[in-house]
Amino acid sequence: MNFRAFGILIYLIYFLITKIPQRNRLKKLSETDPEKGSAISHDQVKKAFHRVLSISGVKVETEGLENIPDEPVLFVGNHNSYFDILVTEEIIPSGAGYVSKDSLKKIPLLAPWMELLHCLFLNRENVREGLKTIMTGADYLKNGYNMFIFPEGTRSKNGELGEFKGGSLKMAQKADAPIVPVAITGTSAIFEKNEGLRITPQTVHVSFGTPFKISDLPKEKRKFAADYAKAAIQEMLDNQK
């Protein structure tokens, strides 16, 4: 473990423990004023992520922020690193709730913050429970909250785009919400490609593509909306090279 990784570990422990009282207040606030509770929660997490990225020595270059509509959207991105979430949450103006694996719900200090951000815990083994989770995501979009999903379902080991799960965009379809393709490069070099627990400074590039609605696609392409989003992301990744 190098100095940067150690610094991040200490800071995250400090944040998660010292912020327990505020987290509990935000939970109560979210019950009476969900919009305000969500906004403050995202603000706190954005500050924490900014600090982590600063300790990591990460610089973020963005392109296409003007493509983000002024309404709730489903962001759809490629997935290479744990840092994908930190980077995108910090730069998306109002933040987003992320679709995560259900095992994260068991982490005591982390899960409550994720719930405040309207993150979802997806059970990929149980189709019925997975569908319920996706429907909850559609409700979040209808209620004004951005969502973010990585349709590959797991982090890419080689940086190449994997298969996009067919039902990954279902929540946007049910809510008739815009979908914004997101292309991310450089994050895996921060941590995953290093030997041991080492963090190295990197420049990350994030591109936001042209938004689209599944309902606006030609009828014959609506069943293949995930492939449409994948092609848009691949084009942006190629342009980033």
Protein backbone atom coordinates (compact mmCIF):
# COMPACT_ATOMS: atom_id res chain seq x y z
CA MET A 1 0.00 0.00 0.00
CA ASN A 2 1.47 3.34 -1.01
CA PHE A 3 0.99 6.71 0.68
CA ARG A 4 -1.93 7.78 -1.52
CA ALA A 5 -3.85 4.55 -0.91
CA PHE A 6 -3.23 4.82 2.83
CA GLY A 7 -4.41 8.43 2.83
CA ILE A 8 -7.63 7.49 1.05
CA LEU A 9 -8.30 4.63 3.46
CA ILE A 10 -7.85 6.89 6.50
CA TYR A 11 -9.99 9.65 4.99
CA LEU A 12 -12.87 7.30 4.10
CA ILE A 13 -12.89 5.78 7.57
CA TYR A 14 -12.88 9.29 9.05
CA PHE A 15 -15.73 10.42 6.79
CA LEU A 16 -17.95 7.37 7.33
CA ILE A 17 -17.58 7.47 11.11
CA THR A 18 -17.66 11.21 11.83
CA LYS A 19 -20.57 11.79 9.44
CA ILE A 20 -22.88 9.28 11.14
CA PRO A 21 -24.85 11.99 13.01
CA GLN A 22 -25.31 14.05 9.84
CA ARG A 23 -26.23 10.94 7.88
CA ASN A 24 -28.95 10.14 10.42
CA ARG A 25 -30.29 13.69 10.22
CA LEU A 26 -30.35 13.47 6.44
CA LYS A 27 -32.28 10.23 6.63
CA LYS A 28 -34.96 11.93 8.75
CA LEU A 29 -34.97 14.96 6.44
CA SER A 30 -35.43 12.70 3.40
CA GLU A 31 -38.60 11.31 4.96
CA THR A 32 -40.20 14.78 5.15
CA ASP A 33 -38.44 16.60 2.30
CA PRO A 34 -36.99 14.00 -0.11
CA GLU A 35 -35.75 16.54 -2.64
CA LYS A 36 -33.80 18.60 -0.11
CA GLY A 37 -32.48 15.50 1.64
CA SER A 38 -31.20 14.12 -1.65
CA ALA A 39 -29.58 17.42 -2.68
CA ILE A 40 -27.67 17.77 0.60
CA SER A 41 -26.64 14.12 0.56
CA HIS A 42 -25.22 14.45 -2.94
CA ASP A 43 -23.42 17.63 -1.93
CA GLN A 44 -21.72 15.86 0.99
CA VAL A 45 -20.74 12.84 -1.09
CA LYS A 46 -19.45 15.04 -3.92
CA LYS A 47 -17.16 16.81 -1.44
CA ALA A 48 -15.92 13.49 -0.10
CA PHE A 49 -15.25 12.14 -3.60
CA HIS A 50 -13.49 15.36 -4.55
CA ARG A 51 -11.19 14.87 -1.57
CA VAL A 52 -10.47 11.26 -2.54
CA LEU A 53 -9.67 12.26 -6.11
CA SER A 54 -7.44 15.05 -4.83
CA ILE A 55 -5.50 12.63 -2.63
CA SER A 56 -5.23 10.28 -5.61
CA GLY A 57 -3.81 13.01 -7.82
CA VAL A 58 -6.57 12.48 -10.37
CA LYS A 59 -7.43 15.18 -12.91
CA VAL A 60 -10.70 14.95 -14.81
CA GLU A 61 -11.28 16.23 -18.31
CA THR A 62 -14.92 16.44 -19.40
CA GLU A 63 -16.66 16.79 -22.72
CA GLY A 64 -20.35 17.16 -23.54
CA LEU A 65 -21.72 18.32 -20.20
CA GLU A 66 -24.06 20.52 -22.22
CA ASN A 67 -25.70 17.32 -23.50
CA ILE A 68 -27.20 16.59 -20.09
CA PRO A 69 -30.91 17.54 -20.28
CA ASP A 70 -32.56 19.67 -17.63
CA GLU A 71 -34.69 16.74 -16.49
CA PRO A 72 -34.08 13.37 -14.81
CA VAL A 73 -31.98 11.08 -16.99
CA LEU A 74 -30.50 7.60 -17.01
CA PHE A 75 -26.75 7.78 -17.53
CA VAL A 76 -25.33 4.69 -19.23
CA GLY A 77 -21.58 4.18 -19.06
CA ASN A 78 -18.73 1.74 -19.63
CA HIS A 79 -17.18 0.31 -16.48
CA ASN A 80 -13.45 -0.10 -15.91
CA SER A 81 -12.85 0.87 -12.28
CA TYR A 82 -14.27 1.62 -8.86
CA PHE A 83 -13.21 5.19 -9.63
CA ASP A 84 -15.82 5.45 -12.41
CA ILE A 85 -18.41 6.17 -9.73
CA LEU A 86 -16.30 8.74 -7.89
CA VAL A 87 -15.46 10.63 -11.08
CA THR A 88 -18.95 10.72 -12.56
CA GLU A 89 -20.73 11.54 -9.29
CA GLU A 90 -18.43 14.51 -8.78
CA ILE A 91 -18.91 16.00 -12.26
CA ILE A 92 -22.62 15.33 -12.90
CA PRO A 93 -24.19 18.59 -11.68
CA SER A 94 -26.96 17.10 -9.53
CA GLY A 95 -25.38 13.69 -9.04
CA ALA A 96 -27.00 10.32 -9.65
CA GLY A 97 -28.11 7.14 -7.95
CA TYR A 98 -26.04 4.15 -9.09
CA VAL A 99 -27.19 0.62 -9.82
CA SER A 100 -24.86 -1.54 -7.74
CA LYS A 101 -24.46 -5.19 -6.85
CA ASP A 102 -26.63 -6.26 -3.93
CA SER A 103 -23.67 -7.35 -1.79
CA LEU A 104 -22.88 -3.68 -1.10
CA LYS A 105 -26.11 -3.43 0.88
CA LYS A 106 -24.40 -5.47 3.61
CA ILE A 107 -21.69 -2.85 4.26
CA PRO A 108 -22.96 -1.02 7.40
CA LEU A 109 -21.40 2.44 7.07
CA LEU A 110 -21.54 2.63 3.27
CA ALA A 111 -25.02 1.33 2.43
CA PRO A 112 -26.96 4.07 4.30
CA TRP A 113 -25.19 6.77 2.26
CA MET A 114 -25.95 4.88 -0.94
CA GLU A 115 -29.63 4.73 0.01
CA LEU A 116 -29.65 8.49 0.61
CA LEU A 117 -28.37 8.95 -2.97
CA HIS A 118 -31.13 6.65 -4.29
CA CYS A 119 -28.67 3.95 -5.30
CA LEU A 120 -30.14 0.55 -6.13
CA PHE A 121 -28.89 -2.86 -5.03
CA LEU A 122 -29.44 -5.28 -7.90
CA ASN A 123 -29.74 -9.03 -7.33
CA ARG A 124 -28.52 -10.51 -10.62
CA GLU A 125 -29.34 -14.07 -9.56
CA ASN A 126 -33.04 -13.51 -8.84
CA VAL A 127 -34.89 -12.30 -11.93
CA ARG A 128 -38.04 -11.34 -10.01
CA GLU A 129 -36.15 -9.30 -7.42
CA GLY A 130 -34.04 -7.76 -10.16
CA LEU A 131 -37.18 -6.62 -11.99
CA LYS A 132 -38.52 -5.03 -8.79
CA THR A 133 -35.26 -3.11 -8.44
CA ILE A 134 -35.47 -1.85 -12.02
CA MET A 135 -39.06 -0.72 -11.44
CA THR A 136 -37.89 1.18 -8.36
CA GLY A 137 -35.34 2.89 -10.59
CA ALA A 138 -38.14 3.91 -12.96
CA ASP A 139 -40.01 5.43 -10.02
CA TYR A 140 -36.90 7.37 -8.98
CA LEU A 141 -36.61 8.80 -12.50
CA LYS A 142 -40.28 9.77 -12.47
CA ASN A 143 -39.76 11.47 -9.10
CA GLY A 144 -36.92 13.64 -10.39
CA TYR A 145 -33.74 11.71 -9.56
CA ASN A 146 -30.97 10.88 -12.03
CA MET A 147 -29.85 7.27 -12.23
CA PHE A 148 -26.63 5.72 -13.52
CA ILE A 149 -26.11 2.17 -14.74
CA PHE A 150 -23.16 0.20 -16.09
CA PRO A 151 -24.87 -2.25 -18.48
CA GLU A 152 -21.85 -4.56 -18.65
CA GLY A 153 -22.70 -5.57 -15.10
CA THR A 154 -19.06 -5.79 -14.03
CA ARG A 155 -15.75 -4.02 -14.54
CA SER A 156 -13.92 -4.69 -17.81
CA LYS A 157 -10.54 -6.36 -17.31
CA ASN A 158 -9.04 -5.21 -20.61
CA GLY A 159 -10.74 -1.89 -21.23
CA GLU A 160 -12.86 -3.30 -24.04
CA LEU A 161 -16.63 -2.90 -23.98
CA GLY A 162 -18.40 -6.05 -22.90
CA GLU A 163 -21.94 -7.17 -23.63
CA PHE A 164 -24.65 -4.74 -22.57
CA LYS A 165 -27.42 -6.54 -20.72
CA GLY A 166 -30.69 -6.36 -22.65
CA GLY A 167 -32.84 -5.13 -19.76
CA SER A 168 -30.34 -2.59 -18.47
CA LEU A 169 -32.23 0.38 -19.93
CA LYS A 170 -35.67 -0.83 -18.92
CA MET A 171 -36.07 1.76 -16.15
CA ALA A 172 -35.63 4.60 -18.67
CA GLN A 173 -38.14 2.99 -20.98
CA LYS A 174 -40.73 2.63 -18.20
CA ALA A 175 -40.21 6.24 -17.10
CA ASP A 176 -39.89 7.55 -20.68
CA ALA A 177 -36.72 9.28 -19.50
CA PRO A 178 -33.79 10.42 -21.67
CA ILE A 179 -30.70 8.21 -21.80
CA VAL A 180 -27.26 9.82 -21.86
CA PRO A 181 -24.35 7.62 -23.04
CA VAL A 182 -21.15 8.16 -21.02
CA ALA A 183 -17.64 7.14 -22.10
CA ILE A 184 -14.93 6.93 -19.43
CA THR A 185 -11.21 6.35 -19.97
CA GLY A 186 -8.20 6.38 -17.64
CA THR A 187 -9.82 5.22 -14.40
CA SER A 188 -8.43 1.67 -14.34
CA ALA A 189 -4.88 3.02 -14.35
CA ILE A 190 -5.53 4.74 -11.02
CA PHE A 191 -5.87 1.48 -9.06
CA GLU A 192 -6.88 -1.73 -10.86
CA LYS A 193 -3.84 -1.98 -13.15
CA ASN A 194 -1.39 -1.46 -10.29
CA GLU A 195 0.27 -4.24 -8.32
CA GLY A 196 -0.76 -4.28 -4.69
CA LEU A 197 -2.82 -1.58 -3.05
CA ARG A 198 -1.31 1.29 -4.97
CA ILE A 199 -2.93 4.50 -6.21
CA THR A 200 -1.23 6.42 -9.01
CA PRO A 201 -2.12 9.89 -10.38
CA GLN A 202 -3.90 9.84 -13.73
CA THR A 203 -5.84 12.08 -16.09
CA VAL A 204 -9.34 10.73 -16.65
CA HIS A 205 -11.53 11.68 -19.60
CA VAL A 206 -15.33 11.56 -19.43
CA SER A 207 -17.55 12.26 -22.45
CA PHE A 208 -21.32 12.71 -22.34
CA GLY A 209 -23.05 11.81 -25.59
CA THR A 210 -26.24 12.95 -27.27
CA PRO A 211 -29.31 12.01 -25.19
CA PHE A 212 -32.04 9.86 -26.68
CA LYS A 213 -35.34 8.29 -25.64
CA ILE A 214 -36.18 4.71 -26.44
CA SER A 215 -39.66 5.85 -27.49
CA ASP A 216 -38.04 8.07 -30.15
CA LEU A 217 -36.08 5.23 -31.75
CA PRO A 218 -37.49 3.46 -34.81
CA LYS A 219 -39.81 0.68 -33.69
CA GLU A 220 -37.50 -2.06 -34.93
CA LYS A 221 -34.60 -0.68 -32.84
CA ARG A 222 -36.38 -0.23 -29.52
CA LYS A 223 -35.68 -3.81 -28.45
CA PHE A 224 -32.00 -3.16 -29.12
CA ALA A 225 -31.66 0.15 -27.26
CA ALA A 226 -28.77 -1.25 -25.21
CA ASP A 227 -26.84 -1.91 -28.43
CA TYR A 228 -27.67 1.62 -29.60
CA ALA A 229 -26.20 3.06 -26.38
CA LYS A 230 -23.18 0.74 -26.60
CA ALA A 231 -22.42 1.91 -30.15
CA ALA A 232 -22.61 5.56 -29.03
CA ILE A 233 -20.22 4.88 -26.14
CA GLN A 234 -17.81 2.95 -28.38
CA GLU A 235 -17.69 5.85 -30.82
CA MET A 236 -16.82 8.27 -28.01
CA LEU A 237 -14.16 5.89 -26.66
CA ASP A 238 -12.60 5.67 -30.11
CA ASN A 239 -12.52 9.47 -30.31
CA GLN A 240 -10.80 9.69 -26.92
CA LYS A 241 -7.84 7.58 -28.08
